[in-house]
N, C-alpha and C. Protein backbone atom coordinates (compact mmCIF):
# COMPACT_ATOMS: atom_id res chain seq x y z
N MET A 1 -116.02 -28.38 80.09
CA MET A 1 -114.74 -28.60 80.56
C MET A 1 -114.35 -27.91 81.74
N ILE A 2 -113.95 -28.41 82.88
CA ILE A 2 -113.41 -27.63 84.06
C ILE A 2 -112.08 -27.20 83.77
N VAL A 3 -111.76 -26.01 84.19
CA VAL A 3 -110.55 -25.33 83.95
C VAL A 3 -109.86 -25.12 85.11
N GLU A 4 -108.46 -25.21 85.33
CA GLU A 4 -107.76 -24.78 86.54
C GLU A 4 -106.93 -23.41 86.14
N LEU A 5 -107.12 -22.44 86.63
CA LEU A 5 -106.49 -21.02 86.24
C LEU A 5 -105.07 -21.06 87.19
N ILE A 6 -104.28 -20.20 86.64
CA ILE A 6 -102.97 -19.95 87.31
C ILE A 6 -103.42 -18.99 88.57
N ILE A 7 -102.37 -18.91 89.31
CA ILE A 7 -102.41 -18.21 90.69
C ILE A 7 -103.01 -16.79 90.64
N PRO A 8 -102.33 -15.90 89.97
CA PRO A 8 -102.81 -14.61 89.93
C PRO A 8 -104.41 -14.33 89.37
N VAL A 9 -104.88 -15.07 88.66
CA VAL A 9 -106.29 -15.03 87.98
C VAL A 9 -107.09 -16.07 88.90
N GLU A 10 -108.04 -15.49 89.64
CA GLU A 10 -108.92 -16.43 90.57
C GLU A 10 -110.00 -16.93 89.61
N THR A 11 -110.82 -16.14 88.85
CA THR A 11 -111.87 -16.44 88.14
C THR A 11 -112.09 -15.57 86.79
N LEU A 12 -112.64 -16.35 86.01
CA LEU A 12 -112.87 -15.49 84.58
C LEU A 12 -114.44 -15.62 84.23
N ARG A 13 -114.92 -14.49 83.67
CA ARG A 13 -116.51 -14.60 83.07
C ARG A 13 -116.48 -13.91 81.84
N GLY A 14 -117.25 -14.59 81.03
CA GLY A 14 -117.25 -14.09 79.59
C GLY A 14 -116.46 -14.59 78.55
N LYS A 15 -116.45 -13.89 77.57
CA LYS A 15 -115.23 -14.15 76.31
C LYS A 15 -114.22 -13.32 76.63
N LEU A 16 -113.17 -14.04 76.38
CA LEU A 16 -111.55 -13.31 76.13
C LEU A 16 -111.37 -12.63 74.73
N LYS A 17 -111.70 -13.51 73.79
CA LYS A 17 -111.70 -13.18 72.28
C LYS A 17 -112.86 -13.73 71.67
N GLU A 18 -112.97 -13.57 70.42
CA GLU A 18 -113.89 -14.14 69.40
C GLU A 18 -113.26 -15.40 68.90
N ASP A 19 -112.97 -16.52 69.79
CA ASP A 19 -112.74 -18.04 69.47
C ASP A 19 -113.49 -18.93 69.54
N GLY A 20 -114.77 -18.62 69.97
CA GLY A 20 -116.01 -19.46 70.26
C GLY A 20 -116.06 -20.04 71.50
N TYR A 21 -115.43 -19.50 72.48
CA TYR A 21 -115.48 -20.02 73.84
C TYR A 21 -115.65 -19.20 74.95
N TYR A 22 -116.24 -19.35 75.90
CA TYR A 22 -116.56 -18.38 77.18
C TYR A 22 -116.59 -19.07 78.37
N PHE A 23 -115.86 -18.18 79.38
CA PHE A 23 -115.78 -18.76 80.89
C PHE A 23 -116.83 -18.28 81.70
N ARG A 24 -117.28 -19.46 82.68
CA ARG A 24 -118.20 -19.04 83.70
C ARG A 24 -117.98 -19.90 84.95
N MET A 25 -118.60 -19.48 86.01
CA MET A 25 -118.37 -20.07 87.30
C MET A 25 -119.64 -20.94 87.44
N TYR A 26 -119.50 -22.32 87.63
CA TYR A 26 -120.39 -23.18 88.22
C TYR A 26 -120.29 -24.09 89.47
N ARG A 27 -121.22 -23.84 90.42
CA ARG A 27 -120.94 -24.29 91.67
C ARG A 27 -119.47 -24.57 92.19
N GLY A 28 -118.99 -23.24 92.09
CA GLY A 28 -117.52 -23.02 92.76
C GLY A 28 -116.55 -23.44 91.75
N ARG A 29 -116.84 -23.89 90.64
CA ARG A 29 -115.63 -24.53 89.54
C ARG A 29 -115.78 -23.50 88.38
N GLN A 30 -114.57 -23.24 87.87
CA GLN A 30 -114.37 -22.44 86.68
C GLN A 30 -114.49 -23.44 85.48
N ILE A 31 -115.55 -23.11 84.49
CA ILE A 31 -115.97 -23.88 83.32
C ILE A 31 -115.61 -23.08 82.02
N VAL A 32 -115.13 -23.48 81.13
CA VAL A 32 -115.18 -23.11 79.87
C VAL A 32 -116.13 -23.98 78.84
N GLN A 33 -116.89 -23.07 78.17
CA GLN A 33 -117.82 -23.82 77.36
C GLN A 33 -117.66 -23.12 75.80
N ARG A 34 -118.22 -23.78 74.86
CA ARG A 34 -118.38 -23.35 73.44
C ARG A 34 -119.67 -22.43 73.41
N CYS A 35 -119.43 -21.24 72.67
CA CYS A 35 -120.63 -20.44 72.59
C CYS A 35 -121.57 -21.03 71.61
N PRO A 36 -122.74 -20.72 72.23
CA PRO A 36 -124.02 -21.23 71.05
C PRO A 36 -123.75 -20.62 69.67
N ARG A 37 -124.43 -21.33 68.78
CA ARG A 37 -124.18 -20.82 67.23
C ARG A 37 -125.67 -20.48 67.02
N LYS A 38 -126.00 -19.47 65.99
CA LYS A 38 -127.25 -19.21 65.66
C LYS A 38 -127.37 -20.51 64.50
N TRP A 39 -128.75 -20.89 64.27
CA TRP A 39 -128.94 -22.04 63.41
C TRP A 39 -129.44 -21.22 62.17
N ALA A 40 -129.18 -21.77 61.01
CA ALA A 40 -129.55 -21.36 59.64
C ALA A 40 -131.10 -21.57 59.62
N ASP A 41 -131.73 -20.60 59.23
CA ASP A 41 -133.40 -20.64 59.09
C ASP A 41 -133.60 -21.48 57.74
N THR A 42 -133.60 -22.87 57.58
CA THR A 42 -133.80 -23.60 56.39
C THR A 42 -135.38 -23.51 56.34
N PRO A 43 -135.79 -23.68 55.08
CA PRO A 43 -137.14 -24.14 54.88
C PRO A 43 -137.77 -25.43 55.87
N ALA A 44 -137.03 -26.39 56.01
CA ALA A 44 -137.43 -27.43 56.78
C ALA A 44 -137.74 -26.90 58.35
N ARG A 45 -136.62 -26.12 58.84
CA ARG A 45 -136.87 -25.81 60.17
C ARG A 45 -138.18 -24.76 60.46
N LYS A 46 -138.38 -23.92 59.25
CA LYS A 46 -139.51 -23.00 59.23
C LYS A 46 -140.68 -23.77 59.34
N THR A 47 -140.75 -25.01 58.45
CA THR A 47 -142.11 -25.63 58.40
C THR A 47 -142.34 -26.38 59.73
N ALA A 48 -141.40 -26.59 60.37
CA ALA A 48 -141.26 -27.35 61.77
C ALA A 48 -141.84 -26.41 62.74
N ARG A 49 -141.30 -25.36 62.53
CA ARG A 49 -141.62 -24.34 63.56
C ARG A 49 -143.15 -23.95 63.69
N GLU A 50 -143.50 -23.75 62.28
CA GLU A 50 -145.12 -23.48 61.88
C GLU A 50 -145.91 -24.53 62.32
N ARG A 51 -145.58 -26.04 62.44
CA ARG A 51 -146.25 -26.93 62.76
C ARG A 51 -146.49 -26.84 64.30
N PHE A 52 -145.32 -26.71 64.86
CA PHE A 52 -145.27 -26.64 66.25
C PHE A 52 -146.30 -25.54 66.97
N ILE A 53 -146.27 -24.53 66.09
CA ILE A 53 -146.92 -23.18 66.50
C ILE A 53 -148.45 -23.64 66.83
N GLU A 54 -148.86 -24.47 65.35
CA GLU A 54 -150.21 -24.68 65.23
C GLU A 54 -150.63 -25.66 66.22
N ARG A 55 -149.75 -26.60 66.49
CA ARG A 55 -150.49 -27.62 67.48
C ARG A 55 -150.38 -27.16 68.91
N TYR A 56 -149.10 -26.52 69.35
CA TYR A 56 -149.06 -26.15 70.81
C TYR A 56 -149.42 -24.76 71.26
N ALA A 57 -149.76 -23.84 70.29
CA ALA A 57 -149.82 -22.49 70.79
C ALA A 57 -151.22 -22.32 71.41
N LYS A 58 -151.16 -21.59 72.34
CA LYS A 58 -152.39 -21.45 73.41
C LYS A 58 -153.16 -20.37 72.65
N LYS A 59 -154.36 -20.36 72.36
CA LYS A 59 -155.40 -19.42 71.84
C LYS A 59 -155.61 -18.21 73.15
N LYS A 60 -155.57 -17.02 72.53
CA LYS A 60 -155.81 -16.01 73.75
C LYS A 60 -157.47 -15.91 73.87
N THR A 61 -157.63 -15.78 74.96
CA THR A 61 -159.21 -15.68 75.40
C THR A 61 -159.36 -14.24 75.48
N ALA A 62 -160.73 -13.73 75.67
CA ALA A 62 -161.09 -12.52 75.64
C ALA A 62 -160.56 -11.84 77.11
N ALA A 63 -160.54 -12.63 77.99
CA ALA A 63 -159.99 -12.09 79.49
C ALA A 63 -158.63 -11.74 79.31
N HIS A 64 -157.73 -12.29 78.26
CA HIS A 64 -156.36 -12.06 78.38
C HIS A 64 -156.03 -10.81 77.28
N GLU A 65 -156.77 -10.06 76.71
CA GLU A 65 -156.35 -9.52 75.55
C GLU A 65 -156.48 -8.04 75.90
């Protein structure tokens, strides 16, 4: 969401309070965004993560140890 600030405040960066939003600058515009939330580590998510590791993890070679 693009934000237009009042005159005395030129830019904001970071959180103002724990309301779930933070401010940042992007390409010269002031942006307000919702803070990312941590996901609950459910059994389904854990299983999917383990399958991903089995399929895509690169094996270490002797040269990289």
